């Protein structure tokens, strides 16, 4: 017996599938005139997204407070595709950051304020993430009835690169190291007068989430795929101020934590800092 835990709209609901497990189900009219405790007609289920961990269930409740369910389920469909098609697992926070990104881009496209993100093209270094992102664009356009520009592939791929995990059981959090990382980074941000304000709050929060899970990646050298030196040189030329701040952060973390960070982390830092300070690209 599959019972509804929460109705999202006529076409989607959260259900209990037994053994303390939950899932999101989609289907035309699947939750019409239904309520908590109602059984669902399994014949109407078109898509099902399993919430296999406590963290994934908590993330869902966090998301549905602020993000439309159509965008949430689109995010789950995109990540589910990566897992099933390529066995590409991401850390749980990707559900939050990717949903937030899709919502922000959607709103800016609708109100005519969309601008292409100044993110370098890294498809040569990360072909798999770009394939997933290209499919994601099709899913977004189909599910949400919009036309996301092809440049969004770079932004979506970055979410997968940032949040790559080894498997569904991986959490990525190490409390003590995570606290040290936050202290180091915040001291450098303060030094350069970078604060969380209304205009950069989304970018600031995404950076903090990225840092929260950085501790869980420090001891995984097999995941530290090195980015080509030419890309680092290009980033230094294009974003000199962001490069300076990110490099100081990168070096200080390695010294204070006595651990090596892959060059990819430096690139992530540059991109996050560039978003925070909105540095214009230098030609």
Protein backbone atom coordinates (compact mmCIF):
# COMPACT_ATOMS: atom_id res chain seq x y z
CA UNK A 1 0.00 0.00 0.00
CA UNK A 2 1.41 3.36 -1.06
CA UNK A 3 -0.01 6.26 0.91
CA UNK A 4 0.28 9.98 0.40
CA UNK A 5 2.33 11.87 2.99
CA UNK A 6 1.85 15.28 1.40
CA UNK A 7 0.02 16.57 -1.68
CA UNK A 8 2.04 19.10 -3.67
CA UNK A 9 -0.47 19.70 -6.46
CA UNK A 10 -2.86 17.70 -8.60
CA UNK A 11 0.02 16.00 -10.40
CA UNK A 12 2.61 15.33 -7.70
CA UNK A 13 2.82 14.11 -4.13
CA UNK A 14 5.16 12.79 -1.49
CA UNK A 15 4.40 9.15 -0.65
CA UNK A 16 5.39 6.55 1.93
CA UNK A 17 6.76 3.41 0.24
CA UNK A 18 7.46 1.43 3.41
CA UNK A 19 10.54 0.68 5.52
CA UNK A 20 10.67 4.36 6.53
CA UNK A 21 11.31 5.33 2.90
CA UNK A 22 9.66 8.09 0.92
CA UNK A 23 9.45 9.12 -2.71
CA UNK A 24 8.10 11.88 -4.91
CA UNK A 25 5.64 10.67 -7.53
CA UNK A 26 4.48 12.53 -10.62
CA UNK A 27 1.56 11.77 -12.89
CA UNK A 28 -1.41 13.52 -14.47
CA UNK A 29 -4.13 13.87 -11.83
CA UNK A 30 -2.36 11.50 -9.46
CA UNK A 31 -3.19 13.62 -6.40
CA UNK A 32 -6.46 15.18 -7.56
CA UNK A 33 -8.95 15.27 -4.65
CA UNK A 34 -6.42 13.35 -2.53
CA UNK A 35 -5.13 14.10 0.95
CA UNK A 36 -2.68 12.77 3.50
CA UNK A 37 -3.31 9.07 4.03
CA UNK A 38 -5.00 8.54 0.66
CA UNK A 39 -3.79 5.69 -1.51
CA UNK A 40 -2.49 6.48 -4.98
CA UNK A 41 -3.29 4.80 -8.25
CA UNK A 42 0.05 3.31 -9.31
CA UNK A 43 -1.13 3.22 -12.92
CA UNK A 44 -0.99 7.04 -12.98
CA UNK A 45 2.65 7.24 -11.84
CA UNK A 46 4.81 8.55 -14.68
CA UNK A 47 7.93 9.35 -12.66
CA UNK A 48 9.16 8.42 -9.20
CA UNK A 49 12.10 9.91 -7.32
CA UNK A 50 13.29 8.01 -4.26
CA UNK A 51 14.43 9.79 -1.11
CA UNK A 52 16.77 7.13 0.19
CA UNK A 53 18.51 9.06 2.96
CA UNK A 54 17.44 11.18 5.89
CA UNK A 55 19.39 14.07 4.37
CA UNK A 56 17.50 13.81 1.08
CA UNK A 57 14.18 13.94 2.96
CA UNK A 58 15.33 16.98 4.94
CA UNK A 59 16.49 18.68 1.75
CA UNK A 60 13.07 18.16 0.20
CA UNK A 61 11.30 19.85 3.10
CA UNK A 62 13.80 22.70 2.90
CA UNK A 63 13.20 23.12 -0.82
CA UNK A 64 9.43 23.04 -0.93
CA UNK A 65 9.22 25.96 1.50
CA UNK A 66 10.67 28.38 -1.04
CA UNK A 67 10.80 26.70 -4.45
CA UNK A 68 7.86 25.68 -6.69
CA UNK A 69 7.37 21.92 -6.76
CA UNK A 70 7.69 21.81 -10.58
CA UNK A 71 11.25 23.11 -10.27
CA UNK A 72 12.01 20.75 -7.37
CA UNK A 73 10.82 17.71 -9.33
CA UNK A 74 12.73 18.91 -12.40
CA UNK A 75 15.88 19.01 -10.30
CA UNK A 76 15.24 15.48 -9.01
CA UNK A 77 14.68 14.27 -12.56
CA UNK A 78 17.98 15.79 -13.73
CA UNK A 79 20.01 14.30 -10.88
CA UNK A 80 18.20 10.96 -11.19
CA UNK A 81 19.21 10.88 -14.86
CA UNK A 82 22.87 11.35 -13.95
CA UNK A 83 22.70 8.52 -11.41
CA UNK A 84 20.87 6.04 -13.63
CA UNK A 85 22.53 6.83 -16.95
CA UNK A 86 26.11 7.42 -15.79
CA UNK A 87 26.18 6.27 -12.15
CA UNK A 88 27.10 9.87 -11.39
CA UNK A 89 26.34 10.50 -7.73
CA UNK A 90 26.28 13.95 -6.17
CA UNK A 91 26.31 15.10 -2.57
CA UNK A 92 22.87 15.90 -1.19
CA UNK A 93 23.39 19.66 -1.22
CA UNK A 94 23.24 19.59 -5.04
CA UNK A 95 19.46 19.31 -4.82
CA UNK A 96 19.39 22.65 -3.00
CA UNK A 97 21.91 24.55 -5.11
CA UNK A 98 20.65 23.27 -8.46
CA UNK A 99 17.00 23.99 -7.61
CA UNK A 100 17.94 27.46 -6.48
CA UNK A 101 19.88 28.05 -9.69
CA UNK A 102 17.07 26.84 -11.95
CA UNK A 103 14.55 29.02 -10.12
CA UNK A 104 16.78 32.09 -10.35
CA UNK A 105 17.47 31.62 -14.06
CA UNK A 106 13.79 30.90 -14.76
CA UNK A 107 12.69 34.10 -13.01
CA UNK A 108 15.28 36.20 -14.81
CA UNK A 109 14.29 34.77 -18.20
CA UNK A 110 10.61 35.43 -17.51
CA UNK A 111 11.14 39.03 -16.36
CA UNK A 112 13.68 39.81 -19.08
CA UNK A 113 16.69 40.42 -16.84
CA UNK A 114 18.66 37.28 -17.70
CA UNK A 115 22.40 37.71 -18.32
CA UNK A 116 24.82 34.97 -19.26
CA UNK A 117 27.01 33.88 -16.34
CA UNK A 118 30.70 34.55 -16.85
CA UNK A 119 31.80 30.94 -16.39
CA UNK A 120 34.62 29.43 -18.43
CA UNK A 121 33.92 26.57 -20.80
CA UNK A 122 35.32 23.40 -19.20
CA UNK A 123 33.75 20.76 -21.42
CA UNK A 124 37.14 19.35 -22.41
CA UNK A 125 38.01 18.75 -18.75
CA UNK A 126 34.53 17.56 -17.73
CA UNK A 127 32.80 15.96 -20.74
CA UNK A 128 30.51 13.75 -18.63
CA UNK A 129 29.20 16.63 -16.54
CA UNK A 130 28.52 18.59 -19.71
CA UNK A 131 26.58 15.69 -21.22
CA UNK A 132 24.41 15.55 -18.12
CA UNK A 133 23.94 19.33 -18.25
CA UNK A 134 22.95 19.24 -21.92
CA UNK A 135 20.25 16.70 -21.09
CA UNK A 136 19.25 18.83 -18.10
CA UNK A 137 18.57 21.74 -20.42
CA UNK A 138 16.14 19.62 -22.42
CA UNK A 139 14.37 18.52 -19.22
CA UNK A 140 14.09 22.10 -17.95
CA UNK A 141 12.74 23.46 -21.22
CA UNK A 142 10.24 20.61 -21.53
CA UNK A 143 9.04 20.61 -17.90
CA UNK A 144 8.90 24.36 -17.31
CA UNK A 145 7.84 25.57 -20.75
CA UNK A 146 10.77 27.95 -21.14
CA UNK A 147 13.78 28.25 -23.43
CA UNK A 148 16.94 28.30 -21.36
CA UNK A 149 19.90 29.54 -23.42
CA UNK A 150 22.60 27.01 -24.27
CA UNK A 151 25.06 28.96 -22.11
CA UNK A 152 23.20 27.52 -19.11
CA UNK A 153 24.91 24.20 -19.80
CA UNK A 154 28.10 25.64 -18.30
CA UNK A 155 26.34 26.72 -15.12
CA UNK A 156 24.48 23.43 -14.68
CA UNK A 157 27.62 21.39 -15.33
CA UNK A 158 29.40 23.37 -12.63
CA UNK A 159 26.81 22.26 -10.08
CA UNK A 160 27.62 18.63 -10.86
CA UNK A 161 31.37 19.27 -10.79
CA UNK A 162 31.09 21.04 -7.44
CA UNK A 163 28.94 18.37 -5.80
CA UNK A 164 30.37 15.13 -7.14
CA UNK A 165 30.25 12.26 -4.66
CA UNK A 166 31.29 8.62 -4.69
CA UNK A 167 27.92 7.07 -3.85
CA UNK A 168 24.49 7.59 -2.34
CA UNK A 169 25.75 6.83 1.17
CA UNK A 170 28.30 9.66 1.13
CA UNK A 171 27.53 12.66 3.31
CA UNK A 172 30.70 14.72 2.91
CA UNK A 173 30.50 16.57 6.23
CA UNK A 174 33.31 16.66 8.77
CA UNK A 175 32.31 18.99 11.53
CA UNK A 176 35.71 20.08 12.90
CA UNK A 177 37.37 20.62 9.53
CA UNK A 178 34.25 22.30 8.15
CA UNK A 179 34.35 24.80 11.02
CA UNK A 180 38.05 25.49 10.41
CA UNK A 181 37.39 26.04 6.71
CA UNK A 182 34.58 28.50 7.41
CA UNK A 183 36.74 30.48 9.84
CA UNK A 184 39.63 30.72 7.38
CA UNK A 185 37.42 31.72 4.45
CA UNK A 186 35.35 34.22 6.42
CA UNK A 187 38.48 35.95 7.71
CA UNK A 188 39.72 36.44 4.15
CA UNK A 189 36.31 37.61 2.94
CA UNK A 190 36.27 40.14 5.80
CA UNK A 191 39.76 41.30 4.85
CA UNK A 192 38.50 42.22 1.37
CA UNK A 193 35.23 43.68 2.63
CA UNK A 194 33.09 40.95 1.08
CA UNK A 195 29.84 40.65 3.01
CA UNK A 196 26.55 38.84 2.51
CA UNK A 197 24.11 41.45 1.21
CA UNK A 198 20.78 41.30 -0.59
CA UNK A 199 22.23 41.42 -4.09
CA UNK A 200 24.69 38.57 -3.56
CA UNK A 201 22.90 36.47 -0.92
CA UNK A 202 22.20 33.53 -3.25
CA UNK A 203 25.80 33.38 -4.45
CA UNK A 204 27.12 33.79 -0.90
CA UNK A 205 24.95 30.93 0.38
CA UNK A 206 26.01 28.66 -2.48
CA UNK A 207 29.65 29.33 -1.66
CA UNK A 208 29.07 28.51 2.01
CA UNK A 209 27.38 25.24 1.05
CA UNK A 210 30.30 24.39 -1.24
CA UNK A 211 32.69 24.99 1.66
CA UNK A 212 30.58 22.93 4.04
CA UNK A 213 31.21 19.87 1.90
CA UNK A 214 34.81 20.68 1.03
CA UNK A 215 36.01 18.90 4.18
CA UNK A 216 34.54 15.66 2.93
CA UNK A 217 36.57 15.89 -0.30
CA UNK A 218 39.97 16.63 1.21
CA UNK A 219 40.86 12.99 1.80
CA UNK A 220 39.81 11.75 -1.63
CA UNK A 221 42.79 12.27 -3.95
CA UNK A 222 41.15 10.12 -6.59
CA UNK A 223 38.49 12.82 -7.00
CA UNK A 224 40.97 15.66 -7.45
CA UNK A 225 40.91 15.86 -11.20
CA UNK A 226 43.40 18.49 -12.24
CA UNK A 227 42.26 21.30 -14.51
CA UNK A 228 44.54 22.28 -17.37
CA UNK A 229 47.10 25.02 -16.55
CA UNK A 230 45.88 27.02 -19.54
CA UNK A 231 42.46 27.42 -17.93
CA UNK A 232 44.05 28.69 -14.72
CA UNK A 233 46.06 31.22 -16.74
CA UNK A 234 42.92 32.29 -18.59
CA UNK A 235 41.04 32.78 -15.31
CA UNK A 236 43.90 34.85 -13.86
CA UNK A 237 43.85 37.11 -16.92
CA UNK A 238 40.06 37.42 -17.05
CA UNK A 239 39.41 37.90 -13.32
CA UNK A 240 42.58 39.26 -11.69
CA UNK A 241 40.89 40.50 -8.51
CA UNK A 242 38.92 37.31 -7.99
CA UNK A 243 42.04 35.29 -8.74
CA UNK A 244 44.02 37.16 -6.08
CA UNK A 245 41.39 36.62 -3.38
CA UNK A 246 40.76 33.00 -4.34
CA UNK A 247 44.49 32.21 -4.44
CA UNK A 248 45.02 33.63 -0.96
CA UNK A 249 42.09 31.55 0.28
CA UNK A 250 43.37 28.44 -1.48
CA UNK A 251 46.92 28.79 -0.13
CA UNK A 252 45.80 29.59 3.41
CA UNK A 253 43.51 26.56 3.54
CA UNK A 254 46.32 24.24 2.45
CA UNK A 255 48.72 25.68 5.03
CA UNK A 256 46.33 25.78 7.96
CA UNK A 257 44.73 22.39 7.27
CA UNK A 258 48.01 20.79 6.20
CA UNK A 259 46.27 19.16 3.27
CA UNK A 260 46.50 19.44 -0.48
CA UNK A 261 43.61 20.84 -2.53
CA UNK A 262 43.29 19.98 -6.20
CA UNK A 263 43.66 22.80 -8.72
CA UNK A 264 39.97 22.42 -9.47
CA UNK A 265 39.18 23.91 -6.04
CA UNK A 266 41.07 27.07 -7.00
CA UNK A 267 38.90 27.41 -10.10
CA UNK A 268 35.74 26.93 -8.04
CA UNK A 269 36.91 29.59 -5.59
CA UNK A 270 37.59 32.05 -8.42
CA UNK A 271 34.13 31.52 -9.88
CA UNK A 272 32.42 31.90 -6.51
CA UNK A 273 34.39 35.05 -5.67
CA UNK A 274 33.72 36.53 -9.09
CA UNK A 275 30.00 36.07 -8.51
CA UNK A 276 30.23 37.69 -5.08
CA UNK A 277 32.12 40.79 -6.20
CA UNK A 278 30.68 40.86 -9.73
CA UNK A 279 34.07 41.49 -11.29
CA UNK A 280 33.75 42.31 -14.97
CA UNK A 281 35.72 40.13 -17.34
CA UNK A 282 39.04 41.70 -18.39
CA UNK A 283 39.94 41.41 -22.05
